[in-house]
Amino acid sequence: MHVAISIDPKNGHILFGQLEITPKTTTTDLNNVFTIGKEMLVTVLGKKVPCRFLQSEIQGEGLKFELNLRFESGVLVSVFIGITDPLIPTHTDEEFYNSLEAVKNLHEHWLKGQIGIVSTGHKRFKWGIAGVAQDKSDNIYIYLHNRNNTWAFDN
């Protein structure tokens, strides 16, 4: 069975279609599959760091997966995965806010199936940190910070 996206729990690598995304992956490795955003300066640990985001989507397992990659100074530091289930209505504001618990459960269940139990907030591995988060706009997503991500490991 072909899986659209998966996480290798031993090393945190992302299998995305035919690609394997690792901490050594560069933006040039992905330019045929991902939309590459403009580079911008972002403050990281009090320093201005050039940052670039890449985005792509894939369908599989009856779900839509949106994959966003964060590169700082040309190095992959974080991966974000958003999952959309067409059976969970989110088109109107009311549907969106009423679906938050179901969407969070979807993300937690999928991540648990990939890497095992995720404790409250996140789980640390030798290769990085993974968890489910909710941003200020109430969007729910999975995050994986690899060992290149100094700000995630300094905390």
N, C-alpha and C. Protein backbone atom coordinates (compact mmCIF):
# COMPACT_ATOMS: atom_id res chain seq x y z
N MET A 1 0.84 -1.18 0.00
CA MET A 1 0.00 0.00 0.00
C MET A 1 0.88 1.25 0.00
N HIS A 2 0.62 2.17 -0.91
CA HIS A 2 1.38 3.42 -0.99
C HIS A 2 0.76 4.44 -0.05
N VAL A 3 1.59 5.01 0.79
CA VAL A 3 1.14 6.04 1.72
C VAL A 3 1.64 7.38 1.20
N ALA A 4 0.78 8.40 1.19
CA ALA A 4 1.13 9.71 0.65
C ALA A 4 2.21 10.39 1.47
N ILE A 5 2.11 10.28 2.79
CA ILE A 5 3.07 10.93 3.68
C ILE A 5 3.22 10.08 4.93
N SER A 6 4.45 9.99 5.41
CA SER A 6 4.69 9.27 6.66
C SER A 6 5.95 9.82 7.31
N ILE A 7 6.09 9.51 8.60
CA ILE A 7 7.25 9.93 9.38
C ILE A 7 7.96 8.68 9.86
N ASP A 8 9.27 8.61 9.63
CA ASP A 8 10.05 7.50 10.14
C ASP A 8 10.37 7.79 11.60
N PRO A 9 9.83 7.02 12.54
CA PRO A 9 10.03 7.32 13.96
C PRO A 9 11.48 7.14 14.42
N LYS A 10 12.30 6.42 13.66
CA LYS A 10 13.69 6.19 14.04
C LYS A 10 14.57 7.42 13.81
N ASN A 11 14.22 8.22 12.77
CA ASN A 11 15.10 9.34 12.43
C ASN A 11 14.35 10.66 12.13
N GLY A 12 13.02 10.63 12.15
CA GLY A 12 12.25 11.85 11.90
C GLY A 12 12.16 12.25 10.44
N HIS A 13 12.65 11.43 9.54
CA HIS A 13 12.57 11.74 8.12
C HIS A 13 11.12 11.68 7.67
N ILE A 14 10.76 12.57 6.75
CA ILE A 14 9.42 12.62 6.19
C ILE A 14 9.45 11.97 4.82
N LEU A 15 8.60 10.99 4.61
CA LEU A 15 8.43 10.41 3.29
C LEU A 15 7.19 11.08 2.70
N PHE A 16 7.39 11.84 1.64
CA PHE A 16 6.35 12.66 1.03
C PHE A 16 6.27 12.29 -0.44
N GLY A 17 5.28 11.45 -0.80
CA GLY A 17 5.24 10.94 -2.16
C GLY A 17 6.50 10.13 -2.40
N GLN A 18 7.27 10.51 -3.40
CA GLN A 18 8.52 9.82 -3.72
C GLN A 18 9.74 10.44 -3.05
N LEU A 19 9.54 11.53 -2.30
CA LEU A 19 10.65 12.24 -1.66
C LEU A 19 10.89 11.77 -0.24
N GLU A 20 12.15 11.79 0.17
CA GLU A 20 12.51 11.62 1.57
C GLU A 20 13.11 12.94 2.03
N ILE A 21 12.46 13.58 2.98
CA ILE A 21 12.90 14.89 3.47
C ILE A 21 13.63 14.66 4.78
N THR A 22 14.90 15.09 4.81
CA THR A 22 15.77 14.89 5.97
C THR A 22 16.34 16.23 6.41
N PRO A 23 17.02 16.30 7.56
CA PRO A 23 17.65 17.55 7.97
C PRO A 23 18.69 18.07 6.96
N LYS A 24 19.15 17.21 6.06
CA LYS A 24 20.13 17.62 5.05
C LYS A 24 19.48 18.09 3.75
N THR A 25 18.16 17.98 3.64
CA THR A 25 17.44 18.40 2.43
C THR A 25 17.62 19.89 2.22
N THR A 26 17.83 20.29 0.98
CA THR A 26 17.97 21.71 0.63
C THR A 26 16.77 22.16 -0.20
N THR A 27 16.61 23.46 -0.35
CA THR A 27 15.51 23.98 -1.15
C THR A 27 15.64 23.54 -2.60
N THR A 28 16.84 23.42 -3.11
CA THR A 28 17.02 23.00 -4.50
C THR A 28 16.63 21.54 -4.72
N ASP A 29 16.62 20.75 -3.67
CA ASP A 29 16.17 19.35 -3.77
C ASP A 29 14.66 19.27 -4.00
N LEU A 30 13.95 20.37 -3.71
CA LEU A 30 12.49 20.33 -3.66
C LEU A 30 11.79 21.25 -4.65
N ASN A 31 12.53 21.96 -5.49
CA ASN A 31 11.93 23.01 -6.30
C ASN A 31 10.93 22.53 -7.35
N ASN A 32 10.87 21.25 -7.65
CA ASN A 32 9.88 20.76 -8.62
C ASN A 32 8.56 20.36 -7.97
N VAL A 33 8.55 20.19 -6.63
CA VAL A 33 7.38 19.68 -5.92
C VAL A 33 6.78 20.74 -4.99
N PHE A 34 7.59 21.67 -4.53
CA PHE A 34 7.16 22.66 -3.54
C PHE A 34 7.12 24.06 -4.13
N THR A 35 6.21 24.86 -3.60
CA THR A 35 6.21 26.30 -3.88
C THR A 35 7.19 26.91 -2.89
N ILE A 36 8.14 27.67 -3.42
CA ILE A 36 9.18 28.26 -2.58
C ILE A 36 8.86 29.72 -2.34
N GLY A 37 8.70 30.08 -1.07
CA GLY A 37 8.41 31.46 -0.70
C GLY A 37 9.65 32.33 -0.76
N LYS A 38 9.42 33.62 -0.72
CA LYS A 38 10.53 34.58 -0.72
C LYS A 38 11.30 34.49 0.60
N GLU A 39 12.59 34.71 0.51
CA GLU A 39 13.40 34.75 1.72
C GLU A 39 13.10 36.03 2.48
N MET A 40 12.99 35.91 3.81
CA MET A 40 12.72 37.06 4.66
C MET A 40 13.59 36.96 5.91
N LEU A 41 13.85 38.11 6.52
CA LEU A 41 14.61 38.10 7.77
C LEU A 41 13.65 37.90 8.93
N VAL A 42 13.99 36.95 9.79
CA VAL A 42 13.19 36.61 10.96
C VAL A 42 14.11 36.67 12.17
N THR A 43 13.60 37.18 13.28
CA THR A 43 14.40 37.23 14.49
C THR A 43 14.36 35.87 15.18
N VAL A 44 15.55 35.28 15.35
CA VAL A 44 15.70 33.98 16.00
C VAL A 44 16.75 34.15 17.08
N LEU A 45 16.35 33.95 18.33
CA LEU A 45 17.25 34.11 19.47
C LEU A 45 17.98 35.45 19.43
N GLY A 46 17.23 36.50 19.09
CA GLY A 46 17.76 37.86 19.10
C GLY A 46 18.57 38.25 17.88
N LYS A 47 18.71 37.35 16.91
CA LYS A 47 19.47 37.64 15.68
C LYS A 47 18.56 37.59 14.47
N LYS A 48 18.83 38.42 13.48
CA LYS A 48 18.11 38.38 12.21
C LYS A 48 18.69 37.24 11.38
N VAL A 49 17.81 36.32 11.00
CA VAL A 49 18.21 35.13 10.25
C VAL A 49 17.39 35.06 8.97
N PRO A 50 18.03 34.82 7.81
CA PRO A 50 17.25 34.63 6.58
C PRO A 50 16.44 33.35 6.67
N CYS A 51 15.15 33.47 6.41
CA CYS A 51 14.21 32.35 6.56
C CYS A 51 13.40 32.20 5.26
N ARG A 52 13.14 30.97 4.90
CA ARG A 52 12.34 30.69 3.69
C ARG A 52 11.40 29.53 4.00
N PHE A 53 10.15 29.66 3.53
CA PHE A 53 9.16 28.60 3.71
C PHE A 53 8.84 27.98 2.36
N LEU A 54 8.68 26.66 2.35
CA LEU A 54 8.27 25.92 1.17
C LEU A 54 6.98 25.22 1.50
N GLN A 55 6.09 25.10 0.50
CA GLN A 55 4.78 24.52 0.74
C GLN A 55 4.40 23.58 -0.39
N SER A 56 3.75 22.46 -0.02
CA SER A 56 3.22 21.53 -1.01
C SER A 56 2.04 20.77 -0.38
N GLU A 57 1.25 20.17 -1.24
CA GLU A 57 0.10 19.38 -0.78
C GLU A 57 0.12 18.03 -1.47
N ILE A 58 -0.50 17.06 -0.80
CA ILE A 58 -0.63 15.72 -1.36
C ILE A 58 -1.90 15.11 -0.80
N GLN A 59 -2.56 14.28 -1.59
CA GLN A 59 -3.76 13.58 -1.17
C GLN A 59 -3.39 12.13 -0.87
N GLY A 60 -4.02 11.58 0.15
CA GLY A 60 -3.80 10.18 0.46
C GLY A 60 -4.60 9.77 1.66
N GLU A 61 -4.93 8.50 1.72
CA GLU A 61 -5.66 7.96 2.86
C GLU A 61 -6.99 8.68 3.07
N GLY A 62 -7.55 9.25 1.99
CA GLY A 62 -8.81 9.99 2.07
C GLY A 62 -8.66 11.37 2.69
N LEU A 63 -7.43 11.82 2.87
CA LEU A 63 -7.14 13.10 3.53
C LEU A 63 -6.28 13.97 2.61
N LYS A 64 -6.29 15.28 2.89
CA LYS A 64 -5.37 16.20 2.22
C LYS A 64 -4.31 16.60 3.23
N PHE A 65 -3.05 16.48 2.85
CA PHE A 65 -1.93 16.85 3.70
C PHE A 65 -1.25 18.08 3.10
N GLU A 66 -1.06 19.10 3.92
CA GLU A 66 -0.29 20.28 3.52
C GLU A 66 1.01 20.23 4.29
N LEU A 67 2.11 20.28 3.55
CA LEU A 67 3.43 20.20 4.16
C LEU A 67 4.12 21.54 3.98
N ASN A 68 4.57 22.13 5.08
CA ASN A 68 5.32 23.38 5.06
C ASN A 68 6.68 23.12 5.69
N LEU A 69 7.71 23.59 5.04
CA LEU A 69 9.08 23.42 5.53
C LEU A 69 9.67 24.79 5.85
N ARG A 70 10.38 24.88 6.96
CA ARG A 70 11.03 26.13 7.35
C ARG A 70 12.54 25.94 7.26
N PHE A 71 13.15 26.79 6.44
CA PHE A 71 14.60 26.81 6.29
C PHE A 71 15.12 28.10 6.91
N GLU A 72 16.15 28.00 7.73
CA GLU A 72 16.84 29.17 8.28
C GLU A 72 18.27 29.13 7.78
N SER A 73 18.70 30.23 7.16
CA SER A 73 20.04 30.31 6.56
C SER A 73 20.31 29.12 5.65
N GLY A 74 19.28 28.70 4.90
CA GLY A 74 19.42 27.61 3.93
C GLY A 74 19.36 26.21 4.52
N VAL A 75 19.13 26.08 5.84
CA VAL A 75 19.13 24.78 6.51
C VAL A 75 17.71 24.46 6.98
N LEU A 76 17.25 23.25 6.69
CA LEU A 76 15.92 22.83 7.14
C LEU A 76 15.92 22.68 8.66
N VAL A 77 14.99 23.40 9.33
CA VAL A 77 14.91 23.34 10.79
C VAL A 77 13.59 22.78 11.28
N SER A 78 12.50 22.97 10.51
CA SER A 78 11.19 22.54 10.98
C SER A 78 10.31 22.10 9.83
N VAL A 79 9.43 21.16 10.14
CA VAL A 79 8.42 20.67 9.21
C VAL A 79 7.07 20.82 9.90
N PHE A 80 6.08 21.31 9.15
CA PHE A 80 4.73 21.48 9.67
C PHE A 80 3.77 20.73 8.75
N ILE A 81 2.88 19.94 9.33
CA ILE A 81 1.93 19.14 8.56
C ILE A 81 0.52 19.50 8.99
N GLY A 82 -0.28 19.95 8.04
CA GLY A 82 -1.69 20.21 8.28
C GLY A 82 -2.50 19.13 7.58
N ILE A 83 -3.52 18.62 8.26
CA ILE A 83 -4.34 17.55 7.70
C ILE A 83 -5.78 18.04 7.58
N THR A 84 -6.36 17.82 6.42
CA THR A 84 -7.77 18.16 6.19
C THR A 84 -8.53 16.90 5.85
N ASP A 85 -9.61 16.67 6.60
CA ASP A 85 -10.50 15.54 6.34
C ASP A 85 -11.78 16.12 5.73
N PRO A 86 -12.13 15.74 4.49
CA PRO A 86 -13.32 16.30 3.87
C PRO A 86 -14.61 15.97 4.63
N LEU A 87 -14.57 15.00 5.53
CA LEU A 87 -15.75 14.65 6.32
C LEU A 87 -15.96 15.58 7.52
N ILE A 88 -14.96 16.42 7.81
CA ILE A 88 -15.08 17.39 8.91
C ILE A 88 -15.36 18.76 8.29
N PRO A 89 -16.60 19.26 8.42
CA PRO A 89 -16.93 20.55 7.79
C PRO A 89 -16.23 21.72 8.48
N THR A 90 -15.61 22.59 7.65
CA THR A 90 -14.89 23.75 8.18
C THR A 90 -15.08 24.99 7.31
N HIS A 91 -16.07 24.99 6.43
CA HIS A 91 -16.20 26.06 5.44
C HIS A 91 -16.66 27.39 6.04
N THR A 92 -17.59 27.35 6.97
CA THR A 92 -18.06 28.59 7.58
C THR A 92 -17.31 28.80 8.90
N ASP A 93 -17.38 30.01 9.43
CA ASP A 93 -16.74 30.28 10.72
C ASP A 93 -17.29 29.36 11.80
N GLU A 94 -18.59 29.17 11.82
CA GLU A 94 -19.22 28.33 12.83
C GLU A 94 -18.71 26.89 12.71
N GLU A 95 -18.66 26.37 11.49
CA GLU A 95 -18.16 25.01 11.28
C GLU A 95 -16.68 24.91 11.71
N PHE A 96 -15.90 25.92 11.34
CA PHE A 96 -14.48 25.92 11.67
C PHE A 96 -14.28 25.81 13.18
N TYR A 97 -14.93 26.70 13.94
CA TYR A 97 -14.73 26.69 15.39
C TYR A 97 -15.36 25.47 16.06
N ASN A 98 -16.46 24.98 15.52
CA ASN A 98 -17.07 23.77 16.07
C ASN A 98 -16.25 22.51 15.76
N SER A 99 -15.37 22.59 14.77
CA SER A 99 -14.59 21.42 14.37
C SER A 99 -13.22 21.34 15.04
N LEU A 100 -12.85 22.34 15.84
CA LEU A 100 -11.49 22.39 16.38
C LEU A 100 -11.10 21.12 17.14
N GLU A 101 -12.00 20.61 17.97
CA GLU A 101 -11.67 19.41 18.74
C GLU A 101 -11.48 18.21 17.81
N ALA A 102 -12.35 18.07 16.81
CA ALA A 102 -12.23 16.95 15.87
C ALA A 102 -10.95 17.06 15.05
N VAL A 103 -10.60 18.27 14.63
CA VAL A 103 -9.39 18.47 13.84
C VAL A 103 -8.15 18.19 14.69
N LYS A 104 -8.16 18.64 15.95
CA LYS A 104 -7.02 18.37 16.83
C LYS A 104 -6.89 16.86 17.05
N ASN A 105 -8.01 16.18 17.28
CA ASN A 105 -7.98 14.72 17.46
C ASN A 105 -7.44 14.02 16.21
N LEU A 106 -7.82 14.50 15.03
CA LEU A 106 -7.33 13.94 13.77
C LEU A 106 -5.80 14.03 13.71
N HIS A 107 -5.27 15.22 14.01
CA HIS A 107 -3.82 15.42 13.97
C HIS A 107 -3.11 14.56 15.02
N GLU A 108 -3.65 14.54 16.24
CA GLU A 108 -3.02 13.74 17.31
C GLU A 108 -3.05 12.25 16.97
N HIS A 109 -4.18 11.77 16.47
CA HIS A 109 -4.31 10.36 16.12
C HIS A 109 -3.34 9.99 14.99
N TRP A 110 -3.24 10.85 13.97
CA TRP A 110 -2.34 10.56 12.86
C TRP A 110 -0.89 10.54 13.34
N LEU A 111 -0.51 11.53 14.15
CA LEU A 111 0.87 11.60 14.65
C LEU A 111 1.18 10.40 15.55
N LYS A 112 0.23 10.02 16.39
CA LYS A 112 0.42 8.85 17.26
C LYS A 112 0.65 7.60 16.41
N GLY A 113 -0.08 7.48 15.32
CA GLY A 113 0.10 6.34 14.42
C GLY A 113 1.45 6.34 13.74
N GLN A 114 2.06 7.50 13.61
CA GLN A 114 3.36 7.61 12.95
C GLN A 114 4.53 7.37 13.90
N ILE A 115 4.48 8.00 15.07
CA ILE A 115 5.67 7.98 15.94
C ILE A 115 5.39 7.47 17.35
N GLY A 116 4.16 7.06 17.63
CA GLY A 116 3.84 6.58 18.97
C GLY A 116 3.18 7.67 19.79
N ILE A 117 3.03 7.42 21.05
CA ILE A 117 2.31 8.32 21.93
C ILE A 117 3.03 9.67 22.00
N VAL A 118 2.26 10.73 21.86
CA VAL A 118 2.78 12.08 22.00
C VAL A 118 2.18 12.63 23.29
N SER A 119 3.04 12.92 24.25
CA SER A 119 2.56 13.45 25.52
C SER A 119 2.04 14.87 25.34
N THR A 120 1.48 15.41 26.37
CA THR A 120 0.92 16.76 26.29
C THR A 120 1.96 17.70 25.70
N GLY A 121 1.57 18.40 24.69
CA GLY A 121 2.48 19.36 24.06
C GLY A 121 3.36 18.73 23.00
N HIS A 122 4.35 17.95 23.41
CA HIS A 122 5.29 17.40 22.43
C HIS A 122 6.03 16.20 23.00
N LYS A 123 6.78 15.55 22.13
CA LYS A 123 7.61 14.42 22.53
C LYS A 123 9.01 14.65 21.98
N ARG A 124 10.01 14.43 22.80
CA ARG A 124 11.41 14.58 22.38
C ARG A 124 11.96 13.23 21.92
N PHE A 125 12.72 13.30 20.86
CA PHE A 125 13.41 12.13 20.31
C PHE A 125 14.88 12.50 20.16
N LYS A 126 15.71 11.52 19.87
CA LYS A 126 17.13 11.83 19.60
C LYS A 126 17.25 12.73 18.38
N TRP A 127 16.34 12.56 17.43
CA TRP A 127 16.40 13.31 16.17
C TRP A 127 15.70 14.66 16.23
N GLY A 128 14.85 14.90 17.25
CA GLY A 128 14.14 16.18 17.28
C GLY A 128 12.94 16.17 18.23
N ILE A 129 12.03 17.08 17.98
CA ILE A 129 10.83 17.27 18.79
C ILE A 129 9.62 17.23 17.86
N ALA A 130 8.55 16.56 18.31
CA ALA A 130 7.33 16.49 17.51
C ALA A 130 6.13 16.72 18.42
N GLY A 131 5.09 17.30 17.84
CA GLY A 131 3.87 17.52 18.60
C GLY A 131 2.77 18.11 17.74
N VAL A 132 1.66 18.43 18.38
CA VAL A 132 0.52 19.07 17.72
C VAL A 132 0.34 20.43 18.38
N ALA A 133 0.13 21.45 17.57
CA ALA A 133 -0.02 22.81 18.09
C ALA A 133 -1.22 23.50 17.44
N GLN A 134 -1.60 24.61 18.04
CA GLN A 134 -2.69 25.44 17.55
C GLN A 134 -2.18 26.87 17.55
N ASP A 135 -2.22 27.53 16.38
CA ASP A 135 -1.69 28.89 16.30
C ASP A 135 -2.73 29.93 16.75
N LYS A 136 -2.36 31.19 16.70
CA LYS A 136 -3.23 32.28 17.17
C LYS A 136 -4.52 32.39 16.36
N SER A 137 -4.51 31.86 15.13
CA SER A 137 -5.71 31.87 14.29
C SER A 137 -6.51 30.58 14.45
N ASP A 138 -6.14 29.76 15.41
CA ASP A 138 -6.79 28.49 15.72
C ASP A 138 -6.57 27.42 14.66
N ASN A 139 -5.56 27.57 13.80
CA ASN A 139 -5.19 26.52 12.87
C ASN A 139 -4.40 25.46 13.63
N ILE A 140 -4.72 24.21 13.40
CA ILE A 140 -4.07 23.10 14.10
C ILE A 140 -3.15 22.39 13.13
N TYR A 141 -1.97 22.02 13.63
CA TYR A 141 -0.96 21.41 12.76
C TYR A 141 -0.01 20.55 13.58
N ILE A 142 0.71 19.69 12.90
CA ILE A 142 1.76 18.88 13.49
C ILE A 142 3.08 19.59 13.21
N TYR A 143 3.97 19.58 14.18
CA TYR A 143 5.30 20.16 13.95
C TYR A 143 6.37 19.13 14.29
N LEU A 144 7.45 19.21 13.53
CA LEU A 144 8.65 18.44 13.80
C LEU A 144 9.82 19.39 13.69
N HIS A 145 10.54 19.58 14.77
CA HIS A 145 11.75 20.40 14.77
C HIS A 145 12.92 19.42 14.82
N ASN A 146 13.82 19.52 13.84
CA ASN A 146 14.97 18.63 13.85
C ASN A 146 16.12 19.27 14.64
N ARG A 147 17.22 18.58 14.75
CA ARG A 147 18.37 19.05 15.55
C ARG A 147 19.04 20.30 14.98
N ASN A 148 18.73 20.68 13.73
CA ASN A 148 19.25 21.94 13.18
C ASN A 148 18.57 23.14 13.81
N ASN A 149 17.44 22.93 14.46
CA ASN A 149 16.63 24.00 15.02
C ASN A 149 17.13 24.37 16.41
N THR A 150 18.03 25.33 16.48
CA THR A 150 18.65 25.69 17.77
C THR A 150 17.65 26.28 18.74
N TRP A 151 16.70 27.09 18.26
CA TRP A 151 15.77 27.72 19.19
C TRP A 151 14.83 26.71 19.83
N ALA A 152 14.52 25.61 19.17
CA ALA A 152 13.67 24.59 19.77
C ALA A 152 14.41 23.78 20.83
N PHE A 153 15.72 23.66 20.69
CA PHE A 153 16.48 22.84 21.62
C PHE A 153 17.15 23.64 22.72
N ASP A 154 17.14 24.98 22.61
CA ASP A 154 17.69 25.81 23.67
C ASP A 154 16.70 26.00 24.81
N ASN A 155 15.42 25.63 24.57
CA ASN A 155 14.39 25.83 25.60
C ASN A 155 14.28 24.62 26.49
